[in-house]
Amino acid sequence: LVIDPYGVAKRIANATEENFVGQMVAVN
């Protein structure tokens, strides 16, 4: 996960039960 606190605050509404990392950039 790449955690940018300001970016997380802007995208927090994108998080769902199924995609709880929706507010962060996530890669495998």
mmCIF file of all heavy atoms, coordinates in Angstrom:
data_MODEL
# 
_entry.id   MODEL 
# 
loop_
_atom_site.group_PDB 
_atom_site.id 
_atom_site.type_symbol 
_atom_site.label_atom_id 
_atom_site.label_alt_id 
_atom_site.label_comp_id 
_atom_site.label_asym_id 
_atom_site.label_entity_id 
_atom_site.label_seq_id 
_atom_site.pdbx_PDB_ins_code 
_atom_site.Cartn_x 
_atom_site.Cartn_y 
_atom_site.Cartn_z 
_atom_site.occupancy 
_atom_site.B_iso_or_equiv 
_atom_site.pdbx_formal_charge 
_atom_site.auth_seq_id 
_atom_site.auth_comp_id 
_atom_site.auth_asym_id 
_atom_site.auth_atom_id 
_atom_site.pdbx_PDB_model_num 
ATOM 1   N N   . LEU A 1 1  ? 0.841   -1.196 0.000  1.00 0.00 ? 1  LEU A N   1 
ATOM 2   C CA  . LEU A 1 1  ? 0.000   0.000  0.000  1.00 0.00 ? 1  LEU A CA  1 
ATOM 3   C C   . LEU A 1 1  ? 0.873   1.241  0.000  1.00 0.00 ? 1  LEU A C   1 
ATOM 4   O O   . LEU A 1 1  ? 1.903   1.281  0.676  1.00 0.00 ? 1  LEU A O   1 
ATOM 5   C CB  . LEU A 1 1  ? -0.889  0.021  1.240  1.00 0.00 ? 1  LEU A CB  1 
ATOM 6   C CG  . LEU A 1 1  ? -1.827  -1.165 1.406  1.00 0.00 ? 1  LEU A CG  1 
ATOM 7   C CD1 . LEU A 1 1  ? -2.392  -1.198 2.810  1.00 0.00 ? 1  LEU A CD1 1 
ATOM 8   C CD2 . LEU A 1 1  ? -2.934  -1.105 0.386  1.00 0.00 ? 1  LEU A CD2 1 
ATOM 9   N N   . VAL A 1 2  ? 0.454   2.239  -0.742 1.00 0.00 ? 2  VAL A N   1 
ATOM 10  C CA  . VAL A 1 2  ? 1.092   3.553  -0.696 1.00 0.00 ? 2  VAL A CA  1 
ATOM 11  C C   . VAL A 1 2  ? 0.112   4.455  0.033  1.00 0.00 ? 2  VAL A C   1 
ATOM 12  O O   . VAL A 1 2  ? -1.004  4.672  -0.433 1.00 0.00 ? 2  VAL A O   1 
ATOM 13  C CB  . VAL A 1 2  ? 1.389   4.106  -2.105 1.00 0.00 ? 2  VAL A CB  1 
ATOM 14  C CG1 . VAL A 1 2  ? 2.022   5.483  -2.001 1.00 0.00 ? 2  VAL A CG1 1 
ATOM 15  C CG2 . VAL A 1 2  ? 2.278   3.149  -2.867 1.00 0.00 ? 2  VAL A CG2 1 
ATOM 16  N N   . ILE A 1 3  ? 0.533   4.928  1.186  1.00 0.00 ? 3  ILE A N   1 
ATOM 17  C CA  . ILE A 1 3  ? -0.362  5.706  2.027  1.00 0.00 ? 3  ILE A CA  1 
ATOM 18  C C   . ILE A 1 3  ? 0.045   7.173  1.972  1.00 0.00 ? 3  ILE A C   1 
ATOM 19  O O   . ILE A 1 3  ? 1.100   7.558  2.462  1.00 0.00 ? 3  ILE A O   1 
ATOM 20  C CB  . ILE A 1 3  ? -0.320  5.198  3.482  1.00 0.00 ? 3  ILE A CB  1 
ATOM 21  C CG1 . ILE A 1 3  ? -0.637  3.704  3.500  1.00 0.00 ? 3  ILE A CG1 1 
ATOM 22  C CG2 . ILE A 1 3  ? -1.298  5.991  4.343  1.00 0.00 ? 3  ILE A CG2 1 
ATOM 23  C CD1 . ILE A 1 3  ? -0.368  3.032  4.826  1.00 0.00 ? 3  ILE A CD1 1 
ATOM 24  N N   . ASP A 1 4  ? -0.785  7.955  1.339  1.00 0.00 ? 4  ASP A N   1 
ATOM 25  C CA  . ASP A 1 4  ? -0.637  9.406  1.271  1.00 0.00 ? 4  ASP A CA  1 
ATOM 26  C C   . ASP A 1 4  ? -1.804  9.961  2.087  1.00 0.00 ? 4  ASP A C   1 
ATOM 27  O O   . ASP A 1 4  ? -2.951  9.908  1.637  1.00 0.00 ? 4  ASP A O   1 
ATOM 28  C CB  . ASP A 1 4  ? -0.722  9.858  -0.182 1.00 0.00 ? 4  ASP A CB  1 
ATOM 29  C CG  . ASP A 1 4  ? -0.788  11.358 -0.349 1.00 0.00 ? 4  ASP A CG  1 
ATOM 30  O OD1 . ASP A 1 4  ? -0.791  12.096 0.657  1.00 0.00 ? 4  ASP A OD1 1 
ATOM 31  O OD2 . ASP A 1 4  ? -0.867  11.810 -1.509 1.00 0.00 ? 4  ASP A OD2 1 
ATOM 32  N N   . PRO A 1 5  ? -1.554  10.447 3.307  1.00 0.00 ? 5  PRO A N   1 
ATOM 33  C CA  . PRO A 1 5  ? -2.662  10.868 4.167  1.00 0.00 ? 5  PRO A CA  1 
ATOM 34  C C   . PRO A 1 5  ? -3.625  11.862 3.513  1.00 0.00 ? 5  PRO A C   1 
ATOM 35  O O   . PRO A 1 5  ? -4.829  11.783 3.711  1.00 0.00 ? 5  PRO A O   1 
ATOM 36  C CB  . PRO A 1 5  ? -1.961  11.500 5.372  1.00 0.00 ? 5  PRO A CB  1 
ATOM 37  C CG  . PRO A 1 5  ? -0.604  10.907 5.376  1.00 0.00 ? 5  PRO A CG  1 
ATOM 38  C CD  . PRO A 1 5  ? -0.264  10.638 3.937  1.00 0.00 ? 5  PRO A CD  1 
ATOM 39  N N   . TYR A 1 6  ? -3.105  12.779 2.711  1.00 0.00 ? 6  TYR A N   1 
ATOM 40  C CA  . TYR A 1 6  ? -3.972  13.764 2.069  1.00 0.00 ? 6  TYR A CA  1 
ATOM 41  C C   . TYR A 1 6  ? -4.790  13.111 0.955  1.00 0.00 ? 6  TYR A C   1 
ATOM 42  O O   . TYR A 1 6  ? -5.964  13.407 0.780  1.00 0.00 ? 6  TYR A O   1 
ATOM 43  C CB  . TYR A 1 6  ? -3.129  14.926 1.539  1.00 0.00 ? 6  TYR A CB  1 
ATOM 44  C CG  . TYR A 1 6  ? -2.330  15.565 2.643  1.00 0.00 ? 6  TYR A CG  1 
ATOM 45  C CD1 . TYR A 1 6  ? -0.963  15.333 2.759  1.00 0.00 ? 6  TYR A CD1 1 
ATOM 46  C CD2 . TYR A 1 6  ? -2.938  16.359 3.601  1.00 0.00 ? 6  TYR A CD2 1 
ATOM 47  C CE1 . TYR A 1 6  ? -0.228  15.888 3.792  1.00 0.00 ? 6  TYR A CE1 1 
ATOM 48  C CE2 . TYR A 1 6  ? -2.207  16.918 4.647  1.00 0.00 ? 6  TYR A CE2 1 
ATOM 49  C CZ  . TYR A 1 6  ? -0.857  16.680 4.734  1.00 0.00 ? 6  TYR A CZ  1 
ATOM 50  O OH  . TYR A 1 6  ? -0.133  17.218 5.765  1.00 0.00 ? 6  TYR A OH  1 
ATOM 51  N N   . GLY A 1 7  ? -4.176  12.203 0.223  1.00 0.00 ? 7  GLY A N   1 
ATOM 52  C CA  . GLY A 1 7  ? -4.904  11.468 -0.813 1.00 0.00 ? 7  GLY A CA  1 
ATOM 53  C C   . GLY A 1 7  ? -5.966  10.555 -0.225 1.00 0.00 ? 7  GLY A C   1 
ATOM 54  O O   . GLY A 1 7  ? -7.065  10.428 -0.763 1.00 0.00 ? 7  GLY A O   1 
ATOM 55  N N   . VAL A 1 8  ? -5.645  9.915  0.896  1.00 0.00 ? 8  VAL A N   1 
ATOM 56  C CA  . VAL A 1 8  ? -6.619  9.056  1.573  1.00 0.00 ? 8  VAL A CA  1 
ATOM 57  C C   . VAL A 1 8  ? -7.840  9.875  1.978  1.00 0.00 ? 8  VAL A C   1 
ATOM 58  O O   . VAL A 1 8  ? -8.981  9.458  1.781  1.00 0.00 ? 8  VAL A O   1 
ATOM 59  C CB  . VAL A 1 8  ? -5.987  8.367  2.808  1.00 0.00 ? 8  VAL A CB  1 
ATOM 60  C CG1 . VAL A 1 8  ? -7.047  7.708  3.672  1.00 0.00 ? 8  VAL A CG1 1 
ATOM 61  C CG2 . VAL A 1 8  ? -4.953  7.343  2.368  1.00 0.00 ? 8  VAL A CG2 1 
ATOM 62  N N   . ALA A 1 9  ? -7.604  11.050 2.534  1.00 0.00 ? 9  ALA A N   1 
ATOM 63  C CA  . ALA A 1 9  ? -8.715  11.900 2.960  1.00 0.00 ? 9  ALA A CA  1 
ATOM 64  C C   . ALA A 1 9  ? -9.618  12.276 1.781  1.00 0.00 ? 9  ALA A C   1 
ATOM 65  O O   . ALA A 1 9  ? -10.837 12.320 1.919  1.00 0.00 ? 9  ALA A O   1 
ATOM 66  C CB  . ALA A 1 9  ? -8.182  13.156 3.645  1.00 0.00 ? 9  ALA A CB  1 
ATOM 67  N N   . LYS A 1 10 ? -9.032  12.491 0.612  1.00 0.00 ? 10 LYS A N   1 
ATOM 68  C CA  . LYS A 1 10 ? -9.814  12.861 -0.567 1.00 0.00 ? 10 LYS A CA  1 
ATOM 69  C C   . LYS A 1 10 ? -10.605 11.682 -1.132 1.00 0.00 ? 10 LYS A C   1 
ATOM 70  O O   . LYS A 1 10 ? -11.660 11.870 -1.719 1.00 0.00 ? 10 LYS A O   1 
ATOM 71  C CB  . LYS A 1 10 ? -8.892  13.406 -1.660 1.00 0.00 ? 10 LYS A CB  1 
ATOM 72  C CG  . LYS A 1 10 ? -8.301  14.745 -1.345 1.00 0.00 ? 10 LYS A CG  1 
ATOM 73  C CD  . LYS A 1 10 ? -7.361  15.174 -2.455 1.00 0.00 ? 10 LYS A CD  1 
ATOM 74  C CE  . LYS A 1 10 ? -6.658  16.458 -2.095 1.00 0.00 ? 10 LYS A CE  1 
ATOM 75  N NZ  . LYS A 1 10 ? -5.652  16.833 -3.086 1.00 0.00 ? 10 LYS A NZ  1 
ATOM 76  N N   . ARG A 1 11 ? -10.086 10.447 -0.964 1.00 0.00 ? 11 ARG A N   1 
ATOM 77  C CA  . ARG A 1 11 ? -10.708 9.281  -1.602 1.00 0.00 ? 11 ARG A CA  1 
ATOM 78  C C   . ARG A 1 11 ? -11.383 8.323  -0.624 1.00 0.00 ? 11 ARG A C   1 
ATOM 79  O O   . ARG A 1 11 ? -11.785 7.236  -1.010 1.00 0.00 ? 11 ARG A O   1 
ATOM 80  C CB  . ARG A 1 11 ? -9.652  8.516  -2.403 1.00 0.00 ? 11 ARG A CB  1 
ATOM 81  C CG  . ARG A 1 11 ? -9.114  9.290  -3.592 1.00 0.00 ? 11 ARG A CG  1 
ATOM 82  C CD  . ARG A 1 11 ? -8.170  8.446  -4.438 1.00 0.00 ? 11 ARG A CD  1 
ATOM 83  N NE  . ARG A 1 11 ? -7.030  7.946  -3.704 1.00 0.00 ? 11 ARG A NE  1 
ATOM 84  C CZ  . ARG A 1 11 ? -5.870  8.589  -3.525 1.00 0.00 ? 11 ARG A CZ  1 
ATOM 85  N NH1 . ARG A 1 11 ? -5.712  9.788  -4.027 1.00 0.00 ? 11 ARG A NH1 1 
ATOM 86  N NH2 . ARG A 1 11 ? -4.883  8.042  -2.851 1.00 0.00 ? 11 ARG A NH2 1 
ATOM 87  N N   . ILE A 1 12 ? -11.548 8.711  0.625  1.00 0.00 ? 12 ILE A N   1 
ATOM 88  C CA  . ILE A 1 12 ? -12.092 7.797  1.632  1.00 0.00 ? 12 ILE A CA  1 
ATOM 89  C C   . ILE A 1 12 ? -13.477 7.284  1.239  1.00 0.00 ? 12 ILE A C   1 
ATOM 90  O O   . ILE A 1 12 ? -13.849 6.163  1.571  1.00 0.00 ? 12 ILE A O   1 
ATOM 91  C CB  . ILE A 1 12 ? -12.103 8.448  3.035  1.00 0.00 ? 12 ILE A CB  1 
ATOM 92  C CG1 . ILE A 1 12 ? -12.345 7.393  4.118  1.00 0.00 ? 12 ILE A CG1 1 
ATOM 93  C CG2 . ILE A 1 12 ? -13.121 9.565  3.116  1.00 0.00 ? 12 ILE A CG2 1 
ATOM 94  C CD1 . ILE A 1 12 ? -11.215 6.447  4.321  1.00 0.00 ? 12 ILE A CD1 1 
ATOM 95  N N   . ALA A 1 13 ? -14.240 8.050  0.500  1.00 0.00 ? 13 ALA A N   1 
ATOM 96  C CA  . ALA A 1 13 ? -15.584 7.624  0.087  1.00 0.00 ? 13 ALA A CA  1 
ATOM 97  C C   . ALA A 1 13 ? -15.542 6.443  -0.882 1.00 0.00 ? 13 ALA A C   1 
ATOM 98  O O   . ALA A 1 13 ? -16.544 5.760  -1.069 1.00 0.00 ? 13 ALA A O   1 
ATOM 99  C CB  . ALA A 1 13 ? -16.337 8.796  -0.543 1.00 0.00 ? 13 ALA A CB  1 
ATOM 100 N N   . ASN A 1 14 ? -14.380 6.168  -1.498 1.00 0.00 ? 14 ASN A N   1 
ATOM 101 C CA  . ASN A 1 14 ? -14.264 5.050  -2.443 1.00 0.00 ? 14 ASN A CA  1 
ATOM 102 C C   . ASN A 1 14 ? -14.157 3.696  -1.750 1.00 0.00 ? 14 ASN A C   1 
ATOM 103 O O   . ASN A 1 14 ? -14.309 2.665  -2.390 1.00 0.00 ? 14 ASN A O   1 
ATOM 104 C CB  . ASN A 1 14 ? -13.032 5.226  -3.336 1.00 0.00 ? 14 ASN A CB  1 
ATOM 105 C CG  . ASN A 1 14 ? -13.141 6.424  -4.237 1.00 0.00 ? 14 ASN A CG  1 
ATOM 106 O OD1 . ASN A 1 14 ? -14.220 6.947  -4.469 1.00 0.00 ? 14 ASN A OD1 1 
ATOM 107 N ND2 . ASN A 1 14 ? -12.009 6.899  -4.729 1.00 0.00 ? 14 ASN A ND2 1 
ATOM 108 N N   . ALA A 1 15 ? -13.878 3.687  -0.476 1.00 0.00 ? 15 ALA A N   1 
ATOM 109 C CA  . ALA A 1 15 ? -13.698 2.421  0.244  1.00 0.00 ? 15 ALA A CA  1 
ATOM 110 C C   . ALA A 1 15 ? -15.046 1.738  0.450  1.00 0.00 ? 15 ALA A C   1 
ATOM 111 O O   . ALA A 1 15 ? -16.046 2.386  0.753  1.00 0.00 ? 15 ALA A O   1 
ATOM 112 C CB  . ALA A 1 15 ? -13.030 2.674  1.587  1.00 0.00 ? 15 ALA A CB  1 
ATOM 113 N N   . THR A 1 16 ? -15.065 0.418  0.260  1.00 0.00 ? 16 THR A N   1 
ATOM 114 C CA  . THR A 1 16 ? -16.264 -0.383 0.478  1.00 0.00 ? 16 THR A CA  1 
ATOM 115 C C   . THR A 1 16 ? -15.872 -1.618 1.282  1.00 0.00 ? 16 THR A C   1 
ATOM 116 O O   . THR A 1 16 ? -14.690 -1.891 1.478  1.00 0.00 ? 16 THR A O   1 
ATOM 117 C CB  . THR A 1 16 ? -16.880 -0.831 -0.863 1.00 0.00 ? 16 THR A CB  1 
ATOM 118 O OG1 . THR A 1 16 ? -15.961 -1.708 -1.518 1.00 0.00 ? 16 THR A OG1 1 
ATOM 119 C CG2 . THR A 1 16 ? -17.207 0.355  -1.766 1.00 0.00 ? 16 THR A CG2 1 
ATOM 120 N N   . GLU A 1 17 ? -16.859 -2.389 1.724  1.00 0.00 ? 17 GLU A N   1 
ATOM 121 C CA  . GLU A 1 17 ? -16.567 -3.640 2.429  1.00 0.00 ? 17 GLU A CA  1 
ATOM 122 C C   . GLU A 1 17 ? -15.717 -4.557 1.561  1.00 0.00 ? 17 GLU A C   1 
ATOM 123 O O   . GLU A 1 17 ? -14.797 -5.188 2.035  1.00 0.00 ? 17 GLU A O   1 
ATOM 124 C CB  . GLU A 1 17 ? -17.851 -4.391 2.772  1.00 0.00 ? 17 GLU A CB  1 
ATOM 125 C CG  . GLU A 1 17 ? -18.465 -4.151 4.120  1.00 0.00 ? 17 GLU A CG  1 
ATOM 126 C CD  . GLU A 1 17 ? -17.562 -4.292 5.326  1.00 0.00 ? 17 GLU A CD  1 
ATOM 127 O OE1 . GLU A 1 17 ? -16.854 -5.305 5.491  1.00 0.00 ? 17 GLU A OE1 1 
ATOM 128 O OE2 . GLU A 1 17 ? -17.589 -3.379 6.145  1.00 0.00 ? 17 GLU A OE2 1 
ATOM 129 N N   . GLU A 1 18 ? -16.044 -4.631 0.278  1.00 0.00 ? 18 GLU A N   1 
ATOM 130 C CA  . GLU A 1 18 ? -15.322 -5.515 -0.628 1.00 0.00 ? 18 GLU A CA  1 
ATOM 131 C C   . GLU A 1 18 ? -13.965 -4.955 -1.027 1.00 0.00 ? 18 GLU A C   1 
ATOM 132 O O   . GLU A 1 18 ? -13.044 -5.688 -1.340 1.00 0.00 ? 18 GLU A O   1 
ATOM 133 C CB  . GLU A 1 18 ? -16.136 -5.787 -1.902 1.00 0.00 ? 18 GLU A CB  1 
ATOM 134 C CG  . GLU A 1 18 ? -17.447 -6.511 -1.659 1.00 0.00 ? 18 GLU A CG  1 
ATOM 135 C CD  . GLU A 1 18 ? -18.547 -5.607 -1.114 1.00 0.00 ? 18 GLU A CD  1 
ATOM 136 O OE1 . GLU A 1 18 ? -18.567 -4.409 -1.443 1.00 0.00 ? 18 GLU A OE1 1 
ATOM 137 O OE2 . GLU A 1 18 ? -19.380 -6.116 -0.337 1.00 0.00 ? 18 GLU A OE2 1 
ATOM 138 N N   . ASN A 1 19 ? -13.835 -3.652 -1.076 1.00 0.00 ? 19 ASN A N   1 
ATOM 139 C CA  . ASN A 1 19 ? -12.594 -2.992 -1.479 1.00 0.00 ? 19 ASN A CA  1 
ATOM 140 C C   . ASN A 1 19 ? -12.219 -1.975 -0.410 1.00 0.00 ? 19 ASN A C   1 
ATOM 141 O O   . ASN A 1 19 ? -12.353 -0.777 -0.598 1.00 0.00 ? 19 ASN A O   1 
ATOM 142 C CB  . ASN A 1 19 ? -12.755 -2.307 -2.841 1.00 0.00 ? 19 ASN A CB  1 
ATOM 143 C CG  . ASN A 1 19 ? -11.473 -1.627 -3.282 1.00 0.00 ? 19 ASN A CG  1 
ATOM 144 O OD1 . ASN A 1 19 ? -10.394 -1.921 -2.793 1.00 0.00 ? 19 ASN A OD1 1 
ATOM 145 N ND2 . ASN A 1 19 ? -11.593 -0.694 -4.202 1.00 0.00 ? 19 ASN A ND2 1 
ATOM 146 N N   . PHE A 1 20 ? -11.733 -2.469 0.732  1.00 0.00 ? 20 PHE A N   1 
ATOM 147 C CA  . PHE A 1 20 ? -11.441 -1.573 1.847  1.00 0.00 ? 20 PHE A CA  1 
ATOM 148 C C   . PHE A 1 20 ? -10.133 -0.827 1.686  1.00 0.00 ? 20 PHE A C   1 
ATOM 149 O O   . PHE A 1 20 ? -9.780  -0.037 2.550  1.00 0.00 ? 20 PHE A O   1 
ATOM 150 C CB  . PHE A 1 20 ? -11.489 -2.318 3.182  1.00 0.00 ? 20 PHE A CB  1 
ATOM 151 C CG  . PHE A 1 20 ? -10.584 -3.510 3.240  1.00 0.00 ? 20 PHE A CG  1 
ATOM 152 C CD1 . PHE A 1 20 ? -9.281  -3.387 3.644  1.00 0.00 ? 20 PHE A CD1 1 
ATOM 153 C CD2 . PHE A 1 20 ? -11.065 -4.757 2.875  1.00 0.00 ? 20 PHE A CD2 1 
ATOM 154 C CE1 . PHE A 1 20 ? -8.453  -4.488 3.689  1.00 0.00 ? 20 PHE A CE1 1 
ATOM 155 C CE2 . PHE A 1 20 ? -10.241 -5.859 2.930  1.00 0.00 ? 20 PHE A CE2 1 
ATOM 156 C CZ  . PHE A 1 20 ? -8.934  -5.731 3.338  1.00 0.00 ? 20 PHE A CZ  1 
ATOM 157 N N   . VAL A 1 21 ? -9.397  -1.059 0.606  1.00 0.00 ? 21 VAL A N   1 
ATOM 158 C CA  . VAL A 1 21 ? -8.208  -0.250 0.329  1.00 0.00 ? 21 VAL A CA  1 
ATOM 159 C C   . VAL A 1 21 ? -8.502  0.761  -0.778 1.00 0.00 ? 21 VAL A C   1 
ATOM 160 O O   . VAL A 1 21 ? -7.609  1.350  -1.340 1.00 0.00 ? 21 VAL A O   1 
ATOM 161 C CB  . VAL A 1 21 ? -6.963  -1.111 -0.037 1.00 0.00 ? 21 VAL A CB  1 
ATOM 162 C CG1 . VAL A 1 21 ? -6.555  -1.980 1.120  1.00 0.00 ? 21 VAL A CG1 1 
ATOM 163 C CG2 . VAL A 1 21 ? -7.196  -1.910 -1.294 1.00 0.00 ? 21 VAL A CG2 1 
ATOM 164 N N   . GLY A 1 22 ? -9.769  0.995  -1.064 1.00 0.00 ? 22 GLY A N   1 
ATOM 165 C CA  . GLY A 1 22 ? -10.173 1.900  -2.139 1.00 0.00 ? 22 GLY A CA  1 
ATOM 166 C C   . GLY A 1 22 ? -9.658  3.305  -1.993 1.00 0.00 ? 22 GLY A C   1 
ATOM 167 O O   . GLY A 1 22 ? -9.568  4.044  -2.963 1.00 0.00 ? 22 GLY A O   1 
ATOM 168 N N   . GLN A 1 23 ? -9.301  3.701  -0.786 1.00 0.00 ? 23 GLN A N   1 
ATOM 169 C CA  . GLN A 1 23 ? -8.804  5.046  -0.573 1.00 0.00 ? 23 GLN A CA  1 
ATOM 170 C C   . GLN A 1 23 ? -7.288  5.139  -0.707 1.00 0.00 ? 23 GLN A C   1 
ATOM 171 O O   . GLN A 1 23 ? -6.731  6.202  -0.595 1.00 0.00 ? 23 GLN A O   1 
ATOM 172 C CB  . GLN A 1 23 ? -9.261  5.569  0.799  1.00 0.00 ? 23 GLN A CB  1 
ATOM 173 C CG  . GLN A 1 23 ? -8.536  4.977  1.981  1.00 0.00 ? 23 GLN A CG  1 
ATOM 174 C CD  . GLN A 1 23 ? -9.089  3.644  2.456  1.00 0.00 ? 23 GLN A CD  1 
ATOM 175 O OE1 . GLN A 1 23 ? -9.806  2.952  1.745  1.00 0.00 ? 23 GLN A OE1 1 
ATOM 176 N NE2 . GLN A 1 23 ? -8.742  3.266  3.661  1.00 0.00 ? 23 GLN A NE2 1 
ATOM 177 N N   . MET A 1 24 ? -6.621  3.997  -0.958 1.00 0.00 ? 24 MET A N   1 
ATOM 178 C CA  . MET A 1 24 ? -5.164  3.980  -1.084 1.00 0.00 ? 24 MET A CA  1 
ATOM 179 C C   . MET A 1 24 ? -4.752  3.285  -2.377 1.00 0.00 ? 24 MET A C   1 
ATOM 180 O O   . MET A 1 24 ? -5.478  2.446  -2.890 1.00 0.00 ? 24 MET A O   1 
ATOM 181 C CB  . MET A 1 24 ? -4.545  3.218  0.090  1.00 0.00 ? 24 MET A CB  1 
ATOM 182 C CG  . MET A 1 24 ? -4.643  3.929  1.394  1.00 0.00 ? 24 MET A CG  1 
ATOM 183 S SD  . MET A 1 24 ? -3.866  2.980  2.696  1.00 0.00 ? 24 MET A SD  1 
ATOM 184 C CE  . MET A 1 24 ? -5.304  2.313  3.508  1.00 0.00 ? 24 MET A CE  1 
ATOM 185 N N   . VAL A 1 25 ? -3.600  3.633  -2.863 1.00 0.00 ? 25 VAL A N   1 
ATOM 186 C CA  . VAL A 1 25 ? -3.023  2.904  -3.986 1.00 0.00 ? 25 VAL A CA  1 
ATOM 187 C C   . VAL A 1 25 ? -2.534  1.567  -3.435 1.00 0.00 ? 25 VAL A C   1 
ATOM 188 O O   . VAL A 1 25 ? -1.808  1.526  -2.441 1.00 0.00 ? 25 VAL A O   1 
ATOM 189 C CB  . VAL A 1 25 ? -1.855  3.686  -4.608 1.00 0.00 ? 25 VAL A CB  1 
ATOM 190 C CG1 . VAL A 1 25 ? -1.181  2.877  -5.697 1.00 0.00 ? 25 VAL A CG1 1 
ATOM 191 C CG2 . VAL A 1 25 ? -2.332  5.030  -5.135 1.00 0.00 ? 25 VAL A CG2 1 
ATOM 192 N N   . ALA A 1 26 ? -2.960  0.472  -4.057 1.00 0.00 ? 26 ALA A N   1 
ATOM 193 C CA  . ALA A 1 26 ? -2.550  -0.854 -3.599 1.00 0.00 ? 26 ALA A CA  1 
ATOM 194 C C   . ALA A 1 26 ? -2.095  -1.671 -4.797 1.00 0.00 ? 26 ALA A C   1 
ATOM 195 O O   . ALA A 1 26 ? -2.711  -1.616 -5.863 1.00 0.00 ? 26 ALA A O   1 
ATOM 196 C CB  . ALA A 1 26 ? -3.712  -1.558 -2.898 1.00 0.00 ? 26 ALA A CB  1 
ATOM 197 N N   . VAL A 1 27 ? -1.008  -2.408 -4.629 1.00 0.00 ? 27 VAL A N   1 
ATOM 198 C CA  . VAL A 1 27 ? -0.481  -3.266 -5.693 1.00 0.00 ? 27 VAL A CA  1 
ATOM 199 C C   . VAL A 1 27 ? -0.061  -4.602 -5.104 1.00 0.00 ? 27 VAL A C   1 
ATOM 200 O O   . VAL A 1 27 ? 0.194   -4.717 -3.912 1.00 0.00 ? 27 VAL A O   1 
ATOM 201 C CB  . VAL A 1 27 ? 0.724   -2.618 -6.419 1.00 0.00 ? 27 VAL A CB  1 
ATOM 202 C CG1 . VAL A 1 27 ? 0.319   -1.373 -7.166 1.00 0.00 ? 27 VAL A CG1 1 
ATOM 203 C CG2 . VAL A 1 27 ? 1.845   -2.308 -5.437 1.00 0.00 ? 27 VAL A CG2 1 
ATOM 204 N N   . ASN A 1 28 ? -0.001  -5.601 -5.948 1.00 0.00 ? 28 ASN A N   1 
ATOM 205 C CA  . ASN A 1 28 ? 0.539   -6.902 -5.565 1.00 0.00 ? 28 ASN A CA  1 
ATOM 206 C C   . ASN A 1 28 ? 1.892   -7.046 -6.233 1.00 0.00 ? 28 ASN A C   1 
ATOM 207 O O   . ASN A 1 28 ? 1.991   -6.951 -7.452 1.00 0.00 ? 28 ASN A O   1 
ATOM 208 C CB  . ASN A 1 28 ? -0.394  -8.023 -6.003 1.00 0.00 ? 28 ASN A CB  1 
ATOM 209 C CG  . ASN A 1 28 ? -1.720  -7.954 -5.294 1.00 0.00 ? 28 ASN A CG  1 
ATOM 210 O OD1 . ASN A 1 28 ? -2.719  -7.619 -5.898 1.00 0.00 ? 28 ASN A OD1 1 
ATOM 211 N ND2 . ASN A 1 28 ? -1.739  -8.233 -4.017 1.00 0.00 ? 28 ASN A ND2 1 
# 
